[in-house]
Amino acid sequence: MKIKNNALDLTFATADAHINHNHPDILRMRGVSTREENTEWVINQWNSVVPEDGTVFHLGDFCFTDPDNSITKSVLKRLNYKTLYMLWGNHNSGASQLYREATQHFFKSLGAKDSNGTKYEVYPMSVSVGRNKTVTFVGDYFEASHYSNLIVMFHYAIRNWNKKGKGAWHLCGHSHGNDRYITKEGAANRVLDCGIDTLRVPWSFRQIKEWMLARTFNDSHDHH
């Protein structure tokens, strides 16, 4: 996927929404008291910057304790975006069930005998969740580019990502600001924790580009 200059203001990255989560640390970081307040906080933060025609990459851990994906579907209809690219994290409740439904429909459309969507994974897999809203599941790992800059996306921070030594960007989540080497204040390389607890809102790729180009990059571990 190529992200051009005219799309930088309409393309965003975020991670670790943790919808419907009531862990004390999550609630404390967000200044809320209940899982319901937490969900509303995420929706408000997201919609404060993302337009209805925006494209968003969510880098894992979207929702908790949602086995029938009813909460996931409800929130996906309320969030602003036109296309949402969903990567897996280590907490995939709700989103994983939505994905299984989509793969089941896909296999049935092929006339496959085993159409339960549990034995195989297919990416990308897109599903419509509302008017003009599409969620596209892309698996654990995704690469995009902005002209000559490779953009590596993964839930977890990678020490040596593809083309790191040539200035490639690495976007991740998972750490909730607890790893100073990947936060916007402390990162010494072109790697950024895009979690909503770190950046507070999804960042546009224009913001990400400006931040990345202000970073030096270390090629000592990458000879490719």
N, C-alpha and C. Protein backbone atom coordinates (compact mmCIF):
# COMPACT_ATOMS: atom_id res chain seq x y z
N MET A 1 0.85 -1.19 0.00
CA MET A 1 0.00 0.00 0.00
C MET A 1 0.88 1.24 0.00
N LYS A 2 0.57 2.18 -0.88
CA LYS A 2 1.33 3.42 -0.97
C LYS A 2 0.51 4.58 -0.41
N ILE A 3 1.13 5.34 0.46
CA ILE A 3 0.49 6.51 1.05
C ILE A 3 1.11 7.75 0.44
N LYS A 4 0.36 8.49 -0.35
CA LYS A 4 0.88 9.65 -1.04
C LYS A 4 0.68 10.92 -0.22
N ASN A 5 1.35 11.98 -0.65
CA ASN A 5 1.30 13.23 0.10
C ASN A 5 -0.12 13.75 0.30
N ASN A 6 -0.97 13.58 -0.72
CA ASN A 6 -2.33 14.11 -0.61
C ASN A 6 -3.21 13.29 0.32
N ALA A 7 -2.68 12.16 0.83
CA ALA A 7 -3.44 11.34 1.77
C ALA A 7 -2.91 11.43 3.20
N LEU A 8 -1.84 12.18 3.42
CA LEU A 8 -1.20 12.20 4.73
C LEU A 8 -2.12 12.73 5.82
N ASP A 9 -2.96 13.70 5.49
CA ASP A 9 -3.84 14.29 6.50
C ASP A 9 -5.10 13.46 6.74
N LEU A 10 -5.33 12.46 5.90
CA LEU A 10 -6.53 11.64 6.02
C LEU A 10 -6.21 10.21 6.46
N THR A 11 -4.93 9.95 6.74
CA THR A 11 -4.49 8.61 7.12
C THR A 11 -3.89 8.68 8.52
N PHE A 12 -4.30 7.76 9.40
CA PHE A 12 -3.94 7.83 10.81
C PHE A 12 -3.46 6.48 11.32
N ALA A 13 -2.71 6.53 12.41
CA ALA A 13 -2.29 5.30 13.10
C ALA A 13 -2.59 5.44 14.58
N THR A 14 -3.03 4.35 15.18
CA THR A 14 -3.25 4.30 16.62
C THR A 14 -3.17 2.84 17.05
N ALA A 15 -3.24 2.60 18.35
CA ALA A 15 -3.16 1.23 18.87
C ALA A 15 -3.74 1.19 20.27
N ASP A 16 -4.03 -0.01 20.72
CA ASP A 16 -4.39 -0.27 22.12
C ASP A 16 -5.62 0.51 22.57
N ALA A 17 -6.67 0.46 21.77
CA ALA A 17 -7.91 1.13 22.18
C ALA A 17 -8.46 0.52 23.46
N HIS A 18 -8.31 -0.78 23.63
CA HIS A 18 -8.78 -1.46 24.85
C HIS A 18 -10.22 -1.10 25.17
N ILE A 19 -11.06 -1.12 24.14
CA ILE A 19 -12.49 -0.90 24.34
C ILE A 19 -13.03 -1.90 25.37
N ASN A 20 -13.90 -1.44 26.24
CA ASN A 20 -14.59 -2.30 27.22
C ASN A 20 -13.64 -2.90 28.25
N HIS A 21 -12.50 -2.27 28.47
CA HIS A 21 -11.54 -2.78 29.45
C HIS A 21 -11.66 -1.98 30.74
N ASN A 22 -11.55 -2.66 31.88
CA ASN A 22 -11.66 -1.97 33.16
C ASN A 22 -10.45 -2.20 34.05
N HIS A 23 -9.30 -2.49 33.46
CA HIS A 23 -8.09 -2.66 34.26
C HIS A 23 -7.75 -1.33 34.94
N PRO A 24 -7.40 -1.34 36.21
CA PRO A 24 -7.14 -0.08 36.93
C PRO A 24 -6.10 0.80 36.26
N ASP A 25 -5.04 0.21 35.71
CA ASP A 25 -4.01 1.02 35.06
C ASP A 25 -4.55 1.72 33.83
N ILE A 26 -5.39 1.02 33.05
CA ILE A 26 -5.98 1.63 31.86
C ILE A 26 -6.90 2.78 32.26
N LEU A 27 -7.77 2.54 33.25
CA LEU A 27 -8.69 3.57 33.70
C LEU A 27 -7.94 4.79 34.23
N ARG A 28 -6.87 4.54 35.01
CA ARG A 28 -6.10 5.64 35.59
C ARG A 28 -5.45 6.49 34.50
N MET A 29 -4.83 5.85 33.50
CA MET A 29 -4.16 6.60 32.44
C MET A 29 -5.13 7.46 31.65
N ARG A 30 -6.38 7.03 31.61
CA ARG A 30 -7.37 7.76 30.80
C ARG A 30 -8.27 8.65 31.63
N GLY A 31 -8.08 8.65 32.94
CA GLY A 31 -8.85 9.53 33.80
C GLY A 31 -10.32 9.18 33.87
N VAL A 32 -10.64 7.88 33.80
CA VAL A 32 -12.03 7.43 33.87
C VAL A 32 -12.16 6.40 34.99
N SER A 33 -13.42 6.01 35.27
CA SER A 33 -13.66 5.15 36.42
C SER A 33 -14.28 3.80 36.08
N THR A 34 -14.89 3.68 34.91
CA THR A 34 -15.58 2.45 34.55
C THR A 34 -15.23 2.04 33.12
N ARG A 35 -15.54 0.79 32.79
CA ARG A 35 -15.31 0.32 31.43
C ARG A 35 -16.14 1.10 30.41
N GLU A 36 -17.35 1.49 30.82
CA GLU A 36 -18.20 2.27 29.93
C GLU A 36 -17.61 3.65 29.66
N GLU A 37 -17.10 4.28 30.70
CA GLU A 37 -16.45 5.58 30.53
C GLU A 37 -15.20 5.45 29.67
N ASN A 38 -14.48 4.35 29.85
CA ASN A 38 -13.29 4.11 29.05
C ASN A 38 -13.64 4.03 27.57
N THR A 39 -14.68 3.28 27.23
CA THR A 39 -15.10 3.17 25.83
C THR A 39 -15.48 4.51 25.26
N GLU A 40 -16.23 5.30 26.02
CA GLU A 40 -16.64 6.62 25.54
C GLU A 40 -15.43 7.54 25.36
N TRP A 41 -14.45 7.41 26.25
CA TRP A 41 -13.24 8.23 26.14
C TRP A 41 -12.52 7.94 24.84
N VAL A 42 -12.37 6.65 24.52
CA VAL A 42 -11.68 6.27 23.28
C VAL A 42 -12.42 6.82 22.07
N ILE A 43 -13.74 6.66 22.05
CA ILE A 43 -14.52 7.14 20.92
C ILE A 43 -14.36 8.65 20.76
N ASN A 44 -14.42 9.38 21.85
CA ASN A 44 -14.29 10.83 21.78
C ASN A 44 -12.90 11.26 21.32
N GLN A 45 -11.86 10.61 21.85
CA GLN A 45 -10.49 10.96 21.45
C GLN A 45 -10.29 10.67 19.97
N TRP A 46 -10.73 9.53 19.52
CA TRP A 46 -10.60 9.12 18.12
C TRP A 46 -11.33 10.10 17.21
N ASN A 47 -12.61 10.34 17.50
CA ASN A 47 -13.43 11.17 16.62
C ASN A 47 -13.05 12.64 16.66
N SER A 48 -12.25 13.04 17.64
CA SER A 48 -11.83 14.44 17.71
C SER A 48 -10.82 14.80 16.62
N VAL A 49 -10.18 13.78 16.02
CA VAL A 49 -9.17 14.06 14.99
C VAL A 49 -9.42 13.33 13.67
N VAL A 50 -10.08 12.19 13.70
CA VAL A 50 -10.28 11.39 12.49
C VAL A 50 -11.59 11.81 11.82
N PRO A 51 -11.55 12.18 10.53
CA PRO A 51 -12.78 12.54 9.82
C PRO A 51 -13.53 11.29 9.35
N GLU A 52 -14.75 11.48 8.91
CA GLU A 52 -15.57 10.35 8.48
C GLU A 52 -15.01 9.66 7.24
N ASP A 53 -14.22 10.38 6.45
CA ASP A 53 -13.63 9.78 5.25
C ASP A 53 -12.17 9.38 5.46
N GLY A 54 -11.77 9.25 6.72
CA GLY A 54 -10.38 8.93 7.04
C GLY A 54 -10.06 7.45 6.89
N THR A 55 -8.76 7.18 6.82
CA THR A 55 -8.22 5.82 6.83
C THR A 55 -7.41 5.66 8.10
N VAL A 56 -7.65 4.60 8.84
CA VAL A 56 -6.98 4.39 10.13
C VAL A 56 -6.34 3.00 10.16
N PHE A 57 -5.11 2.95 10.66
CA PHE A 57 -4.45 1.69 10.98
C PHE A 57 -4.51 1.52 12.49
N HIS A 58 -5.16 0.46 12.95
CA HIS A 58 -5.17 0.16 14.38
C HIS A 58 -4.26 -1.03 14.62
N LEU A 59 -3.22 -0.81 15.44
CA LEU A 59 -2.13 -1.77 15.58
C LEU A 59 -2.29 -2.71 16.76
N GLY A 60 -3.48 -3.28 16.90
CA GLY A 60 -3.67 -4.33 17.89
C GLY A 60 -4.33 -3.91 19.19
N ASP A 61 -5.00 -4.88 19.84
CA ASP A 61 -5.69 -4.71 21.13
C ASP A 61 -6.84 -3.73 21.02
N PHE A 62 -7.82 -4.10 20.21
CA PHE A 62 -8.95 -3.19 19.99
C PHE A 62 -9.99 -3.29 21.10
N CYS A 63 -10.37 -4.52 21.50
CA CYS A 63 -11.49 -4.66 22.44
C CYS A 63 -11.27 -5.84 23.37
N PHE A 64 -11.86 -5.76 24.56
CA PHE A 64 -11.77 -6.80 25.58
C PHE A 64 -13.16 -7.40 25.86
N THR A 65 -13.17 -8.66 26.35
CA THR A 65 -14.37 -9.34 26.86
C THR A 65 -15.62 -9.04 26.03
N ASP A 66 -15.55 -9.45 24.77
CA ASP A 66 -16.66 -9.22 23.85
C ASP A 66 -16.83 -10.46 22.97
N PRO A 67 -17.21 -11.61 23.56
CA PRO A 67 -17.22 -12.87 22.82
C PRO A 67 -18.19 -12.91 21.65
N ASP A 68 -19.28 -12.15 21.71
CA ASP A 68 -20.23 -12.16 20.59
C ASP A 68 -20.03 -10.96 19.66
N ASN A 69 -18.97 -10.20 19.87
CA ASN A 69 -18.57 -9.01 19.12
C ASN A 69 -19.65 -7.93 19.01
N SER A 70 -20.64 -7.94 19.89
CA SER A 70 -21.68 -6.91 19.85
C SER A 70 -21.12 -5.53 20.22
N ILE A 71 -20.22 -5.50 21.19
CA ILE A 71 -19.62 -4.21 21.59
C ILE A 71 -18.70 -3.72 20.48
N THR A 72 -17.91 -4.63 19.92
CA THR A 72 -17.01 -4.26 18.83
C THR A 72 -17.77 -3.67 17.66
N LYS A 73 -18.84 -4.33 17.26
CA LYS A 73 -19.64 -3.83 16.13
C LYS A 73 -20.25 -2.47 16.44
N SER A 74 -20.76 -2.30 17.65
CA SER A 74 -21.37 -1.03 18.04
C SER A 74 -20.36 0.11 17.98
N VAL A 75 -19.16 -0.13 18.53
CA VAL A 75 -18.14 0.90 18.55
C VAL A 75 -17.64 1.20 17.14
N LEU A 76 -17.46 0.16 16.33
CA LEU A 76 -16.99 0.37 14.96
C LEU A 76 -17.96 1.22 14.15
N LYS A 77 -19.24 1.16 14.47
CA LYS A 77 -20.22 1.99 13.77
C LYS A 77 -20.17 3.43 14.24
N ARG A 78 -19.70 3.67 15.45
CA ARG A 78 -19.67 5.03 16.01
C ARG A 78 -18.36 5.77 15.71
N LEU A 79 -17.30 5.04 15.47
CA LEU A 79 -16.02 5.68 15.20
C LEU A 79 -16.00 6.30 13.80
N ASN A 80 -15.24 7.37 13.65
CA ASN A 80 -15.07 8.00 12.34
C ASN A 80 -13.98 7.28 11.55
N TYR A 81 -14.28 6.91 10.34
CA TYR A 81 -13.33 6.37 9.37
C TYR A 81 -14.14 5.92 8.16
N LYS A 82 -13.46 5.77 7.06
CA LYS A 82 -14.04 5.11 5.88
C LYS A 82 -13.45 3.71 5.74
N THR A 83 -12.13 3.61 5.97
CA THR A 83 -11.45 2.32 5.94
C THR A 83 -10.62 2.18 7.20
N LEU A 84 -10.79 1.06 7.88
CA LEU A 84 -10.02 0.77 9.09
C LEU A 84 -9.24 -0.52 8.86
N TYR A 85 -7.91 -0.42 8.91
CA TYR A 85 -7.06 -1.59 8.79
C TYR A 85 -6.77 -2.10 10.20
N MET A 86 -7.13 -3.35 10.44
CA MET A 86 -7.02 -3.92 11.78
C MET A 86 -5.90 -4.95 11.83
N LEU A 87 -4.91 -4.70 12.70
CA LEU A 87 -3.85 -5.67 12.97
C LEU A 87 -4.14 -6.38 14.28
N TRP A 88 -3.66 -7.61 14.40
CA TRP A 88 -3.85 -8.35 15.64
C TRP A 88 -2.87 -7.89 16.72
N GLY A 89 -3.31 -7.97 17.95
CA GLY A 89 -2.45 -7.76 19.10
C GLY A 89 -2.49 -9.02 19.95
N ASN A 90 -2.33 -8.88 21.25
CA ASN A 90 -2.43 -10.03 22.13
C ASN A 90 -3.79 -10.10 22.84
N HIS A 91 -4.66 -9.11 22.59
CA HIS A 91 -6.03 -9.12 23.12
C HIS A 91 -6.97 -8.84 21.96
N ASN A 92 -7.62 -9.88 21.45
CA ASN A 92 -8.35 -9.75 20.19
C ASN A 92 -9.85 -10.04 20.32
N SER A 93 -10.39 -9.97 21.53
CA SER A 93 -11.80 -10.27 21.73
C SER A 93 -12.66 -9.36 20.85
N GLY A 94 -13.73 -9.90 20.34
CA GLY A 94 -14.64 -9.11 19.50
C GLY A 94 -14.16 -9.02 18.08
N ALA A 95 -13.00 -8.44 17.87
CA ALA A 95 -12.46 -8.30 16.52
C ALA A 95 -12.18 -9.67 15.91
N SER A 96 -11.69 -10.62 16.72
CA SER A 96 -11.39 -11.95 16.19
C SER A 96 -12.68 -12.67 15.78
N GLN A 97 -13.75 -12.46 16.53
CA GLN A 97 -15.02 -13.07 16.18
C GLN A 97 -15.59 -12.44 14.90
N LEU A 98 -15.44 -11.14 14.76
CA LEU A 98 -15.88 -10.47 13.54
C LEU A 98 -15.09 -11.01 12.34
N TYR A 99 -13.81 -11.24 12.54
CA TYR A 99 -12.98 -11.81 11.47
C TYR A 99 -13.44 -13.22 11.12
N ARG A 100 -13.74 -14.03 12.12
CA ARG A 100 -14.18 -15.41 11.85
C ARG A 100 -15.49 -15.43 11.07
N GLU A 101 -16.39 -14.50 11.38
CA GLU A 101 -17.63 -14.40 10.63
C GLU A 101 -17.36 -14.07 9.16
N ALA A 102 -16.41 -13.16 8.95
CA ALA A 102 -16.08 -12.76 7.58
C ALA A 102 -15.45 -13.91 6.81
N THR A 103 -14.54 -14.65 7.46
CA THR A 103 -13.90 -15.77 6.76
C THR A 103 -14.90 -16.90 6.51
N GLN A 104 -15.83 -17.11 7.44
CA GLN A 104 -16.86 -18.12 7.23
C GLN A 104 -17.69 -17.78 5.99
N HIS A 105 -18.09 -16.52 5.87
CA HIS A 105 -18.85 -16.09 4.70
C HIS A 105 -18.02 -16.27 3.43
N PHE A 106 -16.73 -15.96 3.52
CA PHE A 106 -15.84 -16.09 2.36
C PHE A 106 -15.76 -17.54 1.89
N PHE A 107 -15.53 -18.47 2.81
CA PHE A 107 -15.42 -19.88 2.43
C PHE A 107 -16.74 -20.41 1.88
N LYS A 108 -17.84 -19.99 2.46
CA LYS A 108 -19.14 -20.44 1.96
C LYS A 108 -19.37 -19.94 0.55
N SER A 109 -18.91 -18.70 0.27
CA SER A 109 -19.08 -18.16 -1.07
C SER A 109 -18.30 -18.95 -2.12
N LEU A 110 -17.26 -19.65 -1.67
CA LEU A 110 -16.47 -20.49 -2.58
C LEU A 110 -17.04 -21.90 -2.69
N GLY A 111 -18.05 -22.19 -1.89
CA GLY A 111 -18.59 -23.53 -1.88
C GLY A 111 -17.72 -24.53 -1.17
N ALA A 112 -16.87 -24.05 -0.28
CA ALA A 112 -15.95 -24.94 0.43
C ALA A 112 -16.71 -25.82 1.41
N LYS A 113 -16.29 -27.09 1.50
CA LYS A 113 -16.94 -28.01 2.43
C LYS A 113 -16.67 -27.60 3.86
N ASP A 114 -15.43 -27.23 4.16
CA ASP A 114 -15.09 -26.75 5.50
C ASP A 114 -15.15 -25.24 5.46
N SER A 115 -16.29 -24.71 5.87
CA SER A 115 -16.51 -23.26 5.74
C SER A 115 -16.65 -22.58 7.09
N ASN A 116 -16.15 -23.23 8.16
CA ASN A 116 -16.34 -22.62 9.47
C ASN A 116 -15.37 -21.49 9.76
N GLY A 117 -14.39 -21.28 8.90
CA GLY A 117 -13.50 -20.14 9.05
C GLY A 117 -12.57 -20.22 10.22
N THR A 118 -12.34 -21.41 10.77
CA THR A 118 -11.48 -21.53 11.94
C THR A 118 -10.14 -22.18 11.62
N LYS A 119 -10.05 -22.95 10.55
CA LYS A 119 -8.83 -23.66 10.24
C LYS A 119 -7.85 -22.82 9.42
N TYR A 120 -8.34 -21.84 8.72
CA TYR A 120 -7.50 -21.09 7.80
C TYR A 120 -7.66 -19.60 8.04
N GLU A 121 -6.61 -18.87 7.74
CA GLU A 121 -6.65 -17.41 7.80
C GLU A 121 -6.42 -16.85 6.40
N VAL A 122 -7.17 -15.85 6.06
CA VAL A 122 -7.07 -15.22 4.75
C VAL A 122 -6.92 -13.72 4.93
N TYR A 123 -5.89 -13.15 4.32
CA TYR A 123 -5.66 -11.70 4.42
C TYR A 123 -5.32 -11.14 3.05
N PRO A 124 -5.77 -9.93 2.77
CA PRO A 124 -6.67 -9.12 3.58
C PRO A 124 -8.09 -9.66 3.53
N MET A 125 -8.84 -9.41 4.58
CA MET A 125 -10.24 -9.81 4.66
C MET A 125 -11.05 -8.60 5.10
N SER A 126 -11.97 -8.17 4.26
CA SER A 126 -12.73 -6.96 4.51
C SER A 126 -14.18 -7.29 4.88
N VAL A 127 -14.73 -6.47 5.75
CA VAL A 127 -16.12 -6.62 6.16
C VAL A 127 -16.74 -5.23 6.33
N SER A 128 -17.95 -5.06 5.85
CA SER A 128 -18.67 -3.80 6.02
C SER A 128 -19.35 -3.81 7.37
N VAL A 129 -19.19 -2.72 8.13
CA VAL A 129 -19.79 -2.65 9.46
C VAL A 129 -20.79 -1.51 9.57
N GLY A 130 -21.08 -0.86 8.49
CA GLY A 130 -22.02 0.25 8.50
C GLY A 130 -21.92 1.00 7.19
N ARG A 131 -22.72 1.99 7.03
CA ARG A 131 -22.73 2.76 5.81
C ARG A 131 -21.37 3.43 5.59
N ASN A 132 -20.74 3.10 4.48
CA ASN A 132 -19.44 3.68 4.09
C ASN A 132 -18.34 3.39 5.11
N LYS A 133 -18.43 2.27 5.81
CA LYS A 133 -17.39 1.88 6.77
C LYS A 133 -16.95 0.45 6.48
N THR A 134 -15.65 0.28 6.24
CA THR A 134 -15.11 -1.03 5.96
C THR A 134 -13.94 -1.31 6.89
N VAL A 135 -13.97 -2.47 7.53
CA VAL A 135 -12.84 -2.92 8.34
C VAL A 135 -12.10 -3.99 7.54
N THR A 136 -10.81 -3.80 7.36
CA THR A 136 -9.98 -4.75 6.63
C THR A 136 -8.95 -5.35 7.57
N PHE A 137 -9.05 -6.65 7.79
CA PHE A 137 -8.09 -7.36 8.64
C PHE A 137 -6.86 -7.71 7.80
N VAL A 138 -5.69 -7.38 8.32
CA VAL A 138 -4.45 -7.60 7.56
C VAL A 138 -3.46 -8.52 8.29
N GLY A 139 -3.89 -9.14 9.38
CA GLY A 139 -3.03 -10.09 10.07
C GLY A 139 -2.16 -9.44 11.14
N ASP A 140 -1.04 -10.10 11.43
CA ASP A 140 -0.14 -9.64 12.50
C ASP A 140 0.79 -8.51 12.06
N TYR A 141 1.11 -8.47 10.78
CA TYR A 141 2.20 -7.62 10.30
C TYR A 141 1.76 -6.98 8.99
N PHE A 142 2.12 -5.70 8.82
CA PHE A 142 1.73 -5.02 7.58
C PHE A 142 2.81 -4.02 7.19
N GLU A 143 3.05 -3.93 5.90
CA GLU A 143 3.98 -2.93 5.39
C GLU A 143 3.27 -2.00 4.42
N ALA A 144 3.58 -0.73 4.54
CA ALA A 144 3.11 0.28 3.61
C ALA A 144 4.32 1.12 3.23
N SER A 145 4.12 2.12 2.38
CA SER A 145 5.24 2.97 2.01
C SER A 145 4.75 4.38 1.76
N HIS A 146 5.63 5.34 2.02
CA HIS A 146 5.41 6.73 1.65
C HIS A 146 6.57 7.12 0.75
N TYR A 147 6.34 7.01 -0.55
CA TYR A 147 7.39 7.18 -1.55
C TYR A 147 8.54 6.22 -1.22
N SER A 148 9.73 6.69 -0.92
CA SER A 148 10.85 5.76 -0.70
C SER A 148 10.92 5.25 0.74
N ASN A 149 10.05 5.74 1.62
CA ASN A 149 10.09 5.33 3.01
C ASN A 149 9.20 4.12 3.26
N LEU A 150 9.79 3.01 3.70
CA LEU A 150 9.02 1.85 4.09
C LEU A 150 8.44 2.09 5.47
N ILE A 151 7.20 1.63 5.69
CA ILE A 151 6.53 1.77 6.97
C ILE A 151 6.16 0.38 7.46
N VAL A 152 6.78 -0.05 8.55
CA VAL A 152 6.57 -1.38 9.10
C VAL A 152 5.64 -1.27 10.31
N MET A 153 4.52 -2.00 10.27
CA MET A 153 3.53 -1.94 11.34
C MET A 153 3.37 -3.31 11.99
N PHE A 154 3.41 -3.31 13.32
CA PHE A 154 3.31 -4.54 14.10
C PHE A 154 2.89 -4.14 15.50
N HIS A 155 2.13 -4.99 16.19
CA HIS A 155 1.68 -4.63 17.53
C HIS A 155 2.85 -4.42 18.48
N TYR A 156 3.86 -5.27 18.36
CA TYR A 156 4.99 -5.24 19.28
C TYR A 156 6.16 -4.49 18.66
N ALA A 157 6.94 -3.83 19.49
CA ALA A 157 8.13 -3.14 19.01
C ALA A 157 9.17 -4.16 18.56
N ILE A 158 9.72 -3.94 17.38
CA ILE A 158 10.74 -4.82 16.81
C ILE A 158 12.09 -4.13 16.94
N ARG A 159 13.10 -4.86 17.32
CA ARG A 159 14.43 -4.24 17.44
C ARG A 159 15.04 -3.97 16.07
N ASN A 160 14.96 -4.96 15.18
CA ASN A 160 15.50 -4.81 13.83
C ASN A 160 14.39 -5.05 12.82
N TRP A 161 13.78 -3.99 12.34
CA TRP A 161 12.70 -4.14 11.37
C TRP A 161 13.24 -3.99 9.95
N ASN A 162 12.44 -4.37 8.99
CA ASN A 162 12.84 -4.37 7.59
C ASN A 162 13.32 -2.98 7.16
N LYS A 163 14.52 -2.93 6.61
CA LYS A 163 15.13 -1.70 6.08
C LYS A 163 15.30 -0.61 7.13
N LYS A 164 15.47 -1.03 8.37
CA LYS A 164 15.74 -0.08 9.45
C LYS A 164 16.96 0.77 9.12
N GLY A 165 18.00 0.14 8.61
CA GLY A 165 19.23 0.86 8.32
C GLY A 165 19.13 1.83 7.16
N LYS A 166 18.03 1.77 6.41
CA LYS A 166 17.80 2.71 5.32
C LYS A 166 16.75 3.76 5.68
N GLY A 167 16.42 3.82 6.97
CA GLY A 167 15.51 4.87 7.44
C GLY A 167 14.04 4.50 7.47
N ALA A 168 13.72 3.20 7.35
CA ALA A 168 12.33 2.77 7.40
C ALA A 168 11.70 3.14 8.74
N TRP A 169 10.41 3.41 8.70
CA TRP A 169 9.66 3.73 9.91
C TRP A 169 9.08 2.46 10.50
N HIS A 170 8.99 2.42 11.83
CA HIS A 170 8.34 1.30 12.51
C HIS A 170 7.28 1.85 13.46
N LEU A 171 6.02 1.46 13.23
CA LEU A 171 4.90 1.87 14.07
C LEU A 171 4.41 0.66 14.86
N CYS A 172 4.21 0.85 16.16
CA CYS A 172 3.85 -0.27 17.03
C CYS A 172 2.93 0.22 18.14
N GLY A 173 2.64 -0.66 19.07
CA GLY A 173 1.83 -0.33 20.24
C GLY A 173 2.28 -1.15 21.42
N HIS A 174 1.31 -1.71 22.16
CA HIS A 174 1.51 -2.69 23.21
C HIS A 174 2.04 -2.13 24.53
N SER A 175 2.94 -1.18 24.50
CA SER A 175 3.67 -0.79 25.72
C SER A 175 2.98 0.29 26.54
N HIS A 176 1.98 0.96 25.99
CA HIS A 176 1.22 1.98 26.72
C HIS A 176 2.13 3.06 27.31
N GLY A 177 3.18 3.39 26.60
CA GLY A 177 4.08 4.45 27.05
C GLY A 177 5.11 4.01 28.06
N ASN A 178 5.16 2.72 28.40
CA ASN A 178 6.07 2.24 29.44
C ASN A 178 7.47 1.93 28.94
N ASP A 179 7.66 1.94 27.64
CA ASP A 179 9.00 1.71 27.07
C ASP A 179 9.49 3.04 26.49
N ARG A 180 10.37 3.70 27.23
CA ARG A 180 10.78 5.05 26.84
C ARG A 180 11.54 5.08 25.53
N TYR A 181 12.06 3.94 25.09
CA TYR A 181 12.85 3.91 23.86
C TYR A 181 11.99 3.96 22.61
N ILE A 182 10.67 3.86 22.78
CA ILE A 182 9.80 3.94 21.60
C ILE A 182 8.73 5.02 21.73
N THR A 183 8.79 5.83 22.80
CA THR A 183 7.82 6.91 22.95
C THR A 183 8.24 8.11 22.12
N LYS A 184 7.30 9.01 21.87
CA LYS A 184 7.60 10.19 21.06
C LYS A 184 8.64 11.08 21.72
N GLU A 185 8.76 11.03 23.06
CA GLU A 185 9.74 11.86 23.75
C GLU A 185 11.12 11.20 23.81
N GLY A 186 11.16 9.86 23.87
CA GLY A 186 12.42 9.21 24.16
C GLY A 186 13.04 8.38 23.06
N ALA A 187 12.30 8.16 21.97
CA ALA A 187 12.81 7.28 20.92
C ALA A 187 14.07 7.84 20.29
N ALA A 188 15.06 6.98 20.12
CA ALA A 188 16.32 7.39 19.50
C ALA A 188 16.42 6.91 18.06
N ASN A 189 15.36 6.30 17.58
CA ASN A 189 15.37 5.80 16.22
C ASN A 189 13.99 6.05 15.60
N ARG A 190 13.77 5.57 14.40
CA ARG A 190 12.50 5.82 13.71
C ARG A 190 11.48 4.75 14.07
N VAL A 191 11.18 4.66 15.36
CA VAL A 191 10.18 3.74 15.88
C VAL A 191 9.27 4.53 16.81
N LEU A 192 7.95 4.30 16.71
CA LEU A 192 7.01 5.10 17.49
C LEU A 192 5.90 4.23 18.07
N ASP A 193 5.72 4.32 19.38
CA ASP A 193 4.58 3.72 20.06
C ASP A 193 3.36 4.58 19.74
N CYS A 194 2.45 4.03 18.94
CA CYS A 194 1.27 4.78 18.50
C CYS A 194 0.07 4.57 19.40
N GLY A 195 0.26 3.92 20.54
CA GLY A 195 -0.85 3.65 21.44
C GLY A 195 -1.57 4.90 21.86
N ILE A 196 -2.88 4.79 22.04
CA ILE A 196 -3.68 5.96 22.39
C ILE A 196 -3.33 6.49 23.78
N ASP A 197 -2.77 5.65 24.64
CA ASP A 197 -2.33 6.13 25.95
C ASP A 197 -1.04 6.93 25.86
N THR A 198 -0.32 6.77 24.77
CA THR A 198 0.93 7.50 24.57
C THR A 198 0.70 8.79 23.80
N LEU A 199 -0.01 8.69 22.68
CA LEU A 199 -0.23 9.87 21.84
C LEU A 199 -1.54 10.58 22.16
N ARG A 200 -2.43 9.92 22.92
CA ARG A 200 -3.72 10.44 23.36
C ARG A 200 -4.78 10.48 22.27
N VAL A 201 -4.37 10.62 21.03
CA VAL A 201 -5.28 10.59 19.89
C VAL A 201 -4.57 9.87 18.74
N PRO A 202 -5.31 9.37 17.76
CA PRO A 202 -4.63 8.87 16.56
C PRO A 202 -3.81 9.98 15.91
N TRP A 203 -2.62 9.65 15.47
CA TRP A 203 -1.78 10.62 14.77
C TRP A 203 -1.94 10.47 13.27
N SER A 204 -2.02 11.61 12.58
CA SER A 204 -2.05 11.55 11.13
C SER A 204 -0.66 11.18 10.61
N PHE A 205 -0.61 10.67 9.39
CA PHE A 205 0.68 10.32 8.82
C PHE A 205 1.51 11.56 8.49
N ARG A 206 0.88 12.72 8.42
CA ARG A 206 1.68 13.95 8.30
C ARG A 206 2.43 14.20 9.60
N GLN A 207 1.75 14.04 10.73
CA GLN A 207 2.43 14.18 12.03
C GLN A 207 3.53 13.13 12.18
N ILE A 208 3.21 11.91 11.79
CA ILE A 208 4.19 10.83 11.90
C ILE A 208 5.39 11.12 11.02
N LYS A 209 5.15 11.58 9.80
CA LYS A 209 6.25 11.88 8.89
C LYS A 209 7.15 12.96 9.47
N GLU A 210 6.57 14.04 9.98
CA GLU A 210 7.37 15.13 10.54
C GLU A 210 8.17 14.64 11.73
N TRP A 211 7.56 13.79 12.56
CA TRP A 211 8.26 13.26 13.73
C TRP A 211 9.39 12.34 13.29
N MET A 212 9.13 11.47 12.33
CA MET A 212 10.14 10.52 11.87
C MET A 212 11.34 11.23 11.23
N LEU A 213 11.08 12.22 10.42
CA LEU A 213 12.17 12.89 9.72
C LEU A 213 13.04 13.72 10.65
N ALA A 214 12.54 13.98 11.86
CA ALA A 214 13.34 14.69 12.86
C ALA A 214 14.22 13.74 13.66
N ARG A 215 14.05 12.42 13.45
CA ARG A 215 14.83 11.41 14.16
C ARG A 215 16.03 10.98 13.33
N THR A 216 17.12 10.72 13.98
CA THR A 216 18.23 10.05 13.31
C THR A 216 17.91 8.57 13.25
N PHE A 217 18.61 7.82 12.43
CA PHE A 217 18.39 6.38 12.43
C PHE A 217 19.72 5.66 12.46
N ASN A 218 19.71 4.53 13.13
CA ASN A 218 20.91 3.75 13.39
C ASN A 218 20.93 2.53 12.49
N ASP A 219 21.97 2.41 11.66
CA ASP A 219 22.05 1.28 10.73
C ASP A 219 23.03 0.21 11.19
N SER A 220 23.49 0.29 12.44
CA SER A 220 24.55 -0.62 12.88
C SER A 220 24.09 -2.07 13.00
N HIS A 221 22.77 -2.30 13.09
CA HIS A 221 22.28 -3.65 13.21
C HIS A 221 21.59 -4.15 11.95
N ASP A 222 21.70 -3.40 10.89
CA ASP A 222 20.96 -3.77 9.68
C ASP A 222 21.87 -3.58 8.47
N HIS A 223 22.23 -4.70 7.82
CA HIS A 223 23.14 -4.60 6.69
C HIS A 223 22.39 -4.74 5.36
N HIS A 224 21.05 -4.86 5.40
CA HIS A 224 20.28 -5.08 4.18
C HIS A 224 20.10 -3.77 3.41
